[in-house]
Amino acid sequence: MNQKCKAAIFDFEGTLVEFQWQLKPAEDELRRAFAELGFDGDAFANGNYATMWNAAADLLAQQGRMVELRQVLCPIYDRWDLDALTRWAPRPGAAELLCRLVTGGARVGMVSNVGRVALTTALARFDFARWLSPVVTRDEVTCMKPRAEGILRVLTHWQVAAGDVLFIGDSRADVFGARAAGMPVTIILGGECDETAFADAPPDHMISRLNELIS
């Protein structure tokens, strides 16, 4: 990790574990659920699981209706999280990396679009939980990445400047979220997005293995 960085914020799925969300069927189901709430247009016809949620939240938060959105949509997101949980496996060296960073004096946190139910189980299962503080899930924010809300929450908690923190993720949403927060970002390949997806949104660094962060 760059010596100028005093801390690191990790994404979860696709970054510390293999990417296992079944995007096509999950997003098809979510699209139908948003339509039943009256949401249509390009943001929903062509959006992904995160951008559809954010588009709905932009409207409903202003109307004080986020509870309604969560009641209808969160069970669907949670079910697909729990489906992925049955297949998640840690990337090689993930727990060791977190341990090494923390014992070396770095702060390490997490911002994930996965919900609290599945993520809490996974972090305990893979021995990640004790190294991560804070952990911000989908359930603690109004808008998911690619918005910067969760990332900014961690920076505020730490009282650390964005430029002193490295974000590590696997997707375009991670790049956009980190950029919106003013942070450098490293992408690990082999997750949600392939390398070509970053042509118009390049990260500061690309790696293939987690141990490259400390080599």
C-alpha atoms as a PDB file:
ATOM      1  CA  MET A   1       0.000   0.000   0.000  1.00  0.00           C
ATOM      2  CA  ASN A   2       1.245   3.495  -0.817  1.00  0.00           C
ATOM      3  CA  GLN A   3       3.234   4.784   2.136  1.00  0.00           C
ATOM      4  CA  LYS A   4       1.341   8.092   1.988  1.00  0.00           C
ATOM      5  CA  CYS A   5      -1.882   6.236   2.806  1.00  0.00           C
ATOM      6  CA  LYS A   6      -2.537   5.899   6.523  1.00  0.00           C
ATOM      7  CA  ALA A   7      -5.673   3.831   6.102  1.00  0.00           C
ATOM      8  CA  ALA A   8      -7.594   1.633   3.683  1.00  0.00           C
ATOM      9  CA  ILE A   9     -11.267   1.118   2.936  1.00  0.00           C
ATOM     10  CA  PHE A  10     -12.174  -2.183   1.299  1.00  0.00           C
ATOM     11  CA  ASP A  11     -15.168  -3.218  -0.716  1.00  0.00           C
ATOM     12  CA  PHE A  12     -16.321  -6.754   0.117  1.00  0.00           C
ATOM     13  CA  GLU A  13     -17.784  -8.868  -2.679  1.00  0.00           C
ATOM     14  CA  GLY A  14     -15.409  -9.299  -5.599  1.00  0.00           C
ATOM     15  CA  THR A  15     -12.609  -7.695  -3.572  1.00  0.00           C
ATOM     16  CA  LEU A  16     -11.981  -9.767  -0.434  1.00  0.00           C
ATOM     17  CA  VAL A  17     -14.180 -12.647  -1.595  1.00  0.00           C
ATOM     18  CA  GLU A  18     -15.163 -13.979  -5.002  1.00  0.00           C
ATOM     19  CA  PHE A  19     -18.012 -12.210  -6.784  1.00  0.00           C
ATOM     20  CA  GLN A  20     -21.062 -14.482  -6.599  1.00  0.00           C
ATOM     21  CA  TRP A  21     -24.139 -12.250  -6.898  1.00  0.00           C
ATOM     22  CA  GLN A  22     -26.320 -13.508  -9.756  1.00  0.00           C
ATOM     23  CA  LEU A  23     -26.689 -10.135 -11.424  1.00  0.00           C
ATOM     24  CA  LYS A  24     -29.070 -10.936 -14.293  1.00  0.00           C
ATOM     25  CA  PRO A  25     -31.876 -12.699 -12.382  1.00  0.00           C
ATOM     26  CA  ALA A  26     -31.454 -10.441  -9.350  1.00  0.00           C
ATOM     27  CA  GLU A  27     -31.665  -7.245 -11.371  1.00  0.00           C
ATOM     28  CA  ASP A  28     -34.616  -8.557 -13.370  1.00  0.00           C
ATOM     29  CA  GLU A  29     -36.507  -9.206 -10.128  1.00  0.00           C
ATOM     30  CA  LEU A  30     -35.518  -5.840  -8.680  1.00  0.00           C
ATOM     31  CA  ARG A  31     -36.587  -4.058 -11.860  1.00  0.00           C
ATOM     32  CA  ARG A  32     -40.043  -5.623 -11.572  1.00  0.00           C
ATOM     33  CA  ALA A  33     -40.281  -4.619  -7.917  1.00  0.00           C
ATOM     34  CA  PHE A  34     -39.319  -1.021  -8.653  1.00  0.00           C
ATOM     35  CA  ALA A  35     -41.911  -0.960 -11.455  1.00  0.00           C
ATOM     36  CA  GLU A  36     -44.589  -2.101  -8.993  1.00  0.00           C
ATOM     37  CA  LEU A  37     -43.703   0.950  -6.884  1.00  0.00           C
ATOM     38  CA  GLY A  38     -44.239   3.135  -9.944  1.00  0.00           C
ATOM     39  CA  PHE A  39     -40.629   3.618 -11.011  1.00  0.00           C
ATOM     40  CA  ASP A  40     -39.830   3.486 -14.711  1.00  0.00           C
ATOM     41  CA  GLY A  41     -37.687   5.330 -17.247  1.00  0.00           C
ATOM     42  CA  ASP A  42     -34.094   4.874 -18.317  1.00  0.00           C
ATOM     43  CA  ALA A  43     -32.662   4.779 -14.792  1.00  0.00           C
ATOM     44  CA  PHE A  44     -34.670   1.614 -14.166  1.00  0.00           C
ATOM     45  CA  ALA A  45     -34.769   0.090 -17.654  1.00  0.00           C
ATOM     46  CA  ASN A  46     -30.980   0.225 -17.938  1.00  0.00           C
ATOM     47  CA  GLY A  47     -29.843   0.644 -14.352  1.00  0.00           C
ATOM     48  CA  ASN A  48     -28.094  -1.913 -12.184  1.00  0.00           C
ATOM     49  CA  TYR A  49     -28.957  -3.049  -8.658  1.00  0.00           C
ATOM     50  CA  ALA A  50     -27.232  -0.016  -7.115  1.00  0.00           C
ATOM     51  CA  THR A  51     -28.199   2.756  -9.517  1.00  0.00           C
ATOM     52  CA  MET A  52     -31.858   1.689  -9.496  1.00  0.00           C
ATOM     53  CA  TRP A  53     -31.903   1.897  -5.711  1.00  0.00           C
ATOM     54  CA  ASN A  54     -30.189   5.290  -5.744  1.00  0.00           C
ATOM     55  CA  ALA A  55     -32.620   6.712  -8.306  1.00  0.00           C
ATOM     56  CA  ALA A  56     -35.576   5.599  -6.182  1.00  0.00           C
ATOM     57  CA  ALA A  57     -33.955   6.854  -2.983  1.00  0.00           C
ATOM     58  CA  ASP A  58     -33.336  10.285  -4.505  1.00  0.00           C
ATOM     59  CA  LEU A  59     -37.086  10.723  -4.832  1.00  0.00           C
ATOM     60  CA  LEU A  60     -38.419   8.855  -1.825  1.00  0.00           C
ATOM     61  CA  ALA A  61     -35.948  10.289   0.689  1.00  0.00           C
ATOM     62  CA  GLN A  62     -37.266  13.766  -0.126  1.00  0.00           C
ATOM     63  CA  GLN A  63     -40.791  12.503   0.524  1.00  0.00           C
ATOM     64  CA  GLY A  64     -39.896  10.788   3.791  1.00  0.00           C
ATOM     65  CA  ARG A  65     -40.679   7.377   2.277  1.00  0.00           C
ATOM     66  CA  MET A  66     -37.389   5.497   2.713  1.00  0.00           C
ATOM     67  CA  VAL A  67     -39.044   3.108   5.173  1.00  0.00           C
ATOM     68  CA  GLU A  68     -41.462   2.088   2.423  1.00  0.00           C
ATOM     69  CA  LEU A  69     -38.609   1.526  -0.031  1.00  0.00           C
ATOM     70  CA  ARG A  70     -36.693  -0.595   2.460  1.00  0.00           C
ATOM     71  CA  GLN A  71     -39.743  -2.662   3.406  1.00  0.00           C
ATOM     72  CA  VAL A  72     -40.430  -3.604  -0.205  1.00  0.00           C
ATOM     73  CA  LEU A  73     -36.945  -3.907  -1.684  1.00  0.00           C
ATOM     74  CA  CYS A  74     -34.585  -4.933   1.128  1.00  0.00           C
ATOM     75  CA  PRO A  75     -36.002  -8.478   1.405  1.00  0.00           C
ATOM     76  CA  ILE A  76     -35.187  -8.998  -2.278  1.00  0.00           C
ATOM     77  CA  TYR A  77     -31.651  -7.637  -1.940  1.00  0.00           C
ATOM     78  CA  ASP A  78     -31.146  -9.688   1.233  1.00  0.00           C
ATOM     79  CA  ARG A  79     -32.319 -12.888  -0.457  1.00  0.00           C
ATOM     80  CA  TRP A  80     -29.802 -12.487  -3.289  1.00  0.00           C
ATOM     81  CA  ASP A  81     -27.097 -11.632  -0.738  1.00  0.00           C
ATOM     82  CA  LEU A  82     -27.854 -14.840   1.142  1.00  0.00           C
ATOM     83  CA  ASP A  83     -27.794 -16.801  -2.100  1.00  0.00           C
ATOM     84  CA  ALA A  84     -24.307 -15.433  -2.816  1.00  0.00           C
ATOM     85  CA  LEU A  85     -23.273 -16.192   0.774  1.00  0.00           C
ATOM     86  CA  THR A  86     -23.654 -19.907   0.044  1.00  0.00           C
ATOM     87  CA  ARG A  87     -20.862 -19.601  -2.559  1.00  0.00           C
ATOM     88  CA  TRP A  88     -18.587 -16.841  -1.264  1.00  0.00           C
ATOM     89  CA  ALA A  89     -15.004 -17.869  -0.662  1.00  0.00           C
ATOM     90  CA  PRO A  90     -12.190 -15.539   0.397  1.00  0.00           C
ATOM     91  CA  ARG A  91      -9.581 -14.471  -2.097  1.00  0.00           C
ATOM     92  CA  PRO A  92      -6.156 -15.942  -1.293  1.00  0.00           C
ATOM     93  CA  GLY A  93      -4.474 -14.096   1.544  1.00  0.00           C
ATOM     94  CA  ALA A  94      -7.442 -11.845   2.369  1.00  0.00           C
ATOM     95  CA  ALA A  95      -7.501 -12.336   6.151  1.00  0.00           C
ATOM     96  CA  GLU A  96      -3.712 -12.257   6.307  1.00  0.00           C
ATOM     97  CA  LEU A  97      -3.652  -8.947   4.447  1.00  0.00           C
ATOM     98  CA  LEU A  98      -6.147  -7.334   6.816  1.00  0.00           C
ATOM     99  CA  CYS A  99      -4.182  -8.597   9.816  1.00  0.00           C
ATOM    100  CA  ARG A 100      -0.908  -7.298   8.425  1.00  0.00           C
ATOM    101  CA  LEU A 101      -2.326  -3.855   7.684  1.00  0.00           C
ATOM    102  CA  VAL A 102      -3.904  -3.442  11.115  1.00  0.00           C
ATOM    103  CA  THR A 103      -0.962  -4.800  13.092  1.00  0.00           C
ATOM    104  CA  GLY A 104       1.260  -2.518  11.028  1.00  0.00           C
ATOM    105  CA  GLY A 105      -0.659   0.481  12.325  1.00  0.00           C
ATOM    106  CA  ALA A 106      -3.099   1.201   9.484  1.00  0.00           C
ATOM    107  CA  ARG A 107      -6.780   1.805   9.973  1.00  0.00           C
ATOM    108  CA  VAL A 108      -8.914  -0.553   7.900  1.00  0.00           C
ATOM    109  CA  GLY A 109     -12.631  -0.224   7.241  1.00  0.00           C
ATOM    110  CA  MET A 110     -15.222  -1.469   4.782  1.00  0.00           C
ATOM    111  CA  VAL A 111     -17.978   0.012   2.634  1.00  0.00           C
ATOM    112  CA  SER A 112     -20.127  -2.571   0.865  1.00  0.00           C
ATOM    113  CA  ASN A 113     -23.347  -2.634  -1.124  1.00  0.00           C
ATOM    114  CA  VAL A 114     -24.113  -5.967   0.567  1.00  0.00           C
ATOM    115  CA  GLY A 115     -26.654  -5.811   3.398  1.00  0.00           C
ATOM    116  CA  ARG A 116     -25.920  -6.236   7.086  1.00  0.00           C
ATOM    117  CA  VAL A 117     -27.450  -9.719   7.480  1.00  0.00           C
ATOM    118  CA  ALA A 118     -25.269 -11.542   4.964  1.00  0.00           C
ATOM    119  CA  LEU A 119     -22.193  -9.391   5.492  1.00  0.00           C
ATOM    120  CA  THR A 120     -22.068  -9.896   9.259  1.00  0.00           C
ATOM    121  CA  THR A 121     -22.196 -13.658   8.758  1.00  0.00           C
ATOM    122  CA  ALA A 122     -19.520 -13.602   6.073  1.00  0.00           C
ATOM    123  CA  LEU A 123     -17.102 -11.356   7.971  1.00  0.00           C
ATOM    124  CA  ALA A 124     -17.249 -13.695  10.964  1.00  0.00           C
ATOM    125  CA  ARG A 125     -16.971 -16.817   8.811  1.00  0.00           C
ATOM    126  CA  PHE A 126     -13.820 -15.636   7.042  1.00  0.00           C
ATOM    127  CA  ASP A 127     -12.186 -14.054  10.124  1.00  0.00           C
ATOM    128  CA  PHE A 128     -12.377 -10.548   8.657  1.00  0.00           C
ATOM    129  CA  ALA A 129     -14.579  -8.888  11.281  1.00  0.00           C
ATOM    130  CA  ARG A 130     -11.950  -8.258  13.955  1.00  0.00           C
ATOM    131  CA  TRP A 131      -9.773  -6.275  11.548  1.00  0.00           C
ATOM    132  CA  LEU A 132     -12.450  -3.934  10.178  1.00  0.00           C
ATOM    133  CA  SER A 133     -13.818  -0.812  11.859  1.00  0.00           C
ATOM    134  CA  PRO A 134     -16.143   0.653  10.874  1.00  0.00           C
ATOM    135  CA  VAL A 135     -18.131  -1.522   8.483  1.00  0.00           C
ATOM    136  CA  VAL A 136     -20.772   0.355   6.480  1.00  0.00           C
ATOM    137  CA  THR A 137     -23.319  -1.785   4.644  1.00  0.00           C
ATOM    138  CA  ARG A 138     -26.191  -1.040   2.294  1.00  0.00           C
ATOM    139  CA  ASP A 139     -28.467  -0.811   5.334  1.00  0.00           C
ATOM    140  CA  GLU A 140     -26.621   2.140   6.889  1.00  0.00           C
ATOM    141  CA  VAL A 141     -26.854   4.501   3.917  1.00  0.00           C
ATOM    142  CA  THR A 142     -29.523   6.158   1.833  1.00  0.00           C
ATOM    143  CA  CYS A 143     -27.570   5.657  -1.400  1.00  0.00           C
ATOM    144  CA  MET A 144     -25.148   2.886  -2.328  1.00  0.00           C
ATOM    145  CA  LYS A 145     -21.886   3.151  -4.227  1.00  0.00           C
ATOM    146  CA  PRO A 146     -21.264   4.632  -6.814  1.00  0.00           C
ATOM    147  CA  ARG A 147     -22.384   7.411  -4.463  1.00  0.00           C
ATOM    148  CA  ALA A 148     -19.794   8.375  -1.867  1.00  0.00           C
ATOM    149  CA  GLU A 149     -22.099   8.404   1.183  1.00  0.00           C
ATOM    150  CA  GLY A 150     -20.750   5.286   2.866  1.00  0.00           C
ATOM    151  CA  ILE A 151     -17.128   6.188   2.151  1.00  0.00           C
ATOM    152  CA  LEU A 152     -17.592   9.688   3.560  1.00  0.00           C
ATOM    153  CA  ARG A 153     -19.137   8.164   6.675  1.00  0.00           C
ATOM    154  CA  VAL A 154     -15.958   6.172   7.309  1.00  0.00           C
ATOM    155  CA  LEU A 155     -13.739   9.209   6.706  1.00  0.00           C
ATOM    156  CA  THR A 156     -15.820  11.233   9.164  1.00  0.00           C
ATOM    157  CA  HIS A 157     -15.635   8.447  11.750  1.00  0.00           C
ATOM    158  CA  TRP A 158     -11.859   8.299  11.415  1.00  0.00           C
ATOM    159  CA  GLN A 159     -11.337  12.059  11.030  1.00  0.00           C
ATOM    160  CA  VAL A 160      -8.800  11.288   8.300  1.00  0.00           C
ATOM    161  CA  ALA A 161      -8.321  13.234   5.060  1.00  0.00           C
ATOM    162  CA  ALA A 162      -9.546  11.480   1.917  1.00  0.00           C
ATOM    163  CA  GLY A 163      -6.149  11.773   0.267  1.00  0.00           C
ATOM    164  CA  ASP A 164      -4.579   9.739   3.075  1.00  0.00           C
ATOM    165  CA  VAL A 165      -6.874   6.752   2.529  1.00  0.00           C
ATOM    166  CA  LEU A 166      -6.780   4.140  -0.243  1.00  0.00           C
ATOM    167  CA  PHE A 167      -9.998   2.543  -1.485  1.00  0.00           C
ATOM    168  CA  ILE A 168      -9.708  -1.035  -2.765  1.00  0.00           C
ATOM    169  CA  GLY A 169     -12.536  -2.449  -4.862  1.00  0.00           C
ATOM    170  CA  ASP A 170     -13.418  -4.429  -7.964  1.00  0.00           C
ATOM    171  CA  SER A 171     -16.073  -2.443  -9.818  1.00  0.00           C
ATOM    172  CA  ARG A 172     -16.840   0.775 -11.642  1.00  0.00           C
ATOM    173  CA  ALA A 173     -19.036   1.715  -8.691  1.00  0.00           C
ATOM    174  CA  ASP A 174     -15.969   1.527  -6.459  1.00  0.00           C
ATOM    175  CA  VAL A 175     -13.997   3.825  -8.758  1.00  0.00           C
ATOM    176  CA  PHE A 176     -16.799   6.372  -8.949  1.00  0.00           C
ATOM    177  CA  GLY A 177     -17.470   6.247  -5.216  1.00  0.00           C
ATOM    178  CA  ALA A 178     -13.814   6.731  -4.326  1.00  0.00           C
ATOM    179  CA  ARG A 179     -13.405   9.542  -6.846  1.00  0.00           C
ATOM    180  CA  ALA A 180     -16.491  11.315  -5.494  1.00  0.00           C
ATOM    181  CA  ALA A 181     -14.952  11.132  -2.023  1.00  0.00           C
ATOM    182  CA  GLY A 182     -11.601  12.455  -3.278  1.00  0.00           C
ATOM    183  CA  MET A 183      -9.699   9.228  -2.622  1.00  0.00           C
ATOM    184  CA  PRO A 184      -7.133   7.231  -4.591  1.00  0.00           C
ATOM    185  CA  VAL A 185      -8.476   3.861  -5.694  1.00  0.00           C
ATOM    186  CA  THR A 186      -6.998   0.472  -6.534  1.00  0.00           C
ATOM    187  CA  ILE A 187      -9.000  -2.117  -8.460  1.00  0.00           C
ATOM    188  CA  ILE A 188      -8.417  -5.839  -8.092  1.00  0.00           C
ATOM    189  CA  LEU A 189      -9.272  -7.712 -11.268  1.00  0.00           C
ATOM    190  CA  GLY A 190     -11.460 -10.787 -11.434  1.00  0.00           C
ATOM    191  CA  GLY A 191     -14.443  -9.359  -9.575  1.00  0.00           C
ATOM    192  CA  GLU A 192     -17.695  -7.787 -10.757  1.00  0.00           C
ATOM    193  CA  CYS A 193     -16.137  -5.925 -13.708  1.00  0.00           C
ATOM    194  CA  ASP A 194     -13.552  -7.075 -16.210  1.00  0.00           C
ATOM    195  CA  GLU A 195     -10.585  -4.909 -17.129  1.00  0.00           C
ATOM    196  CA  THR A 196     -12.228  -3.391 -20.215  1.00  0.00           C
ATOM    197  CA  ALA A 197     -14.988  -1.903 -18.051  1.00  0.00           C
ATOM    198  CA  PHE A 198     -12.491   0.594 -16.653  1.00  0.00           C
ATOM    199  CA  ALA A 199     -11.449   2.087 -19.997  1.00  0.00           C
ATOM    200  CA  ASP A 200     -13.415   5.285 -19.352  1.00  0.00           C
ATOM    201  CA  ALA A 201     -13.039   5.172 -15.556  1.00  0.00           C
ATOM    202  CA  PRO A 202      -9.441   4.185 -14.831  1.00  0.00           C
ATOM    203  CA  PRO A 203      -8.381   3.603 -11.230  1.00  0.00           C
ATOM    204  CA  ASP A 204      -5.005   4.731  -9.927  1.00  0.00           C
ATOM    205  CA  HIS A 205      -3.780   1.140  -9.891  1.00  0.00           C
ATOM    206  CA  MET A 206      -4.925  -2.295 -11.005  1.00  0.00           C
ATOM    207  CA  ILE A 207      -3.789  -5.473  -9.300  1.00  0.00           C
ATOM    208  CA  SER A 208      -4.468  -9.166  -9.791  1.00  0.00           C
ATOM    209  CA  ARG A 209      -3.742 -10.403  -6.264  1.00  0.00           C
ATOM    210  CA  LEU A 210      -4.326  -8.888  -2.851  1.00  0.00           C
ATOM    211  CA  ASN A 211      -0.728  -9.381  -1.764  1.00  0.00           C
ATOM    212  CA  GLU A 212       0.307  -6.816  -4.373  1.00  0.00           C
ATOM    213  CA  LEU A 213      -0.990  -4.186  -1.954  1.00  0.00           C
ATOM    214  CA  ILE A 214       1.895  -4.876   0.413  1.00  0.00           C
ATOM    215  CA  SER A 215       4.577  -6.236  -1.911  1.00  0.00           C
END
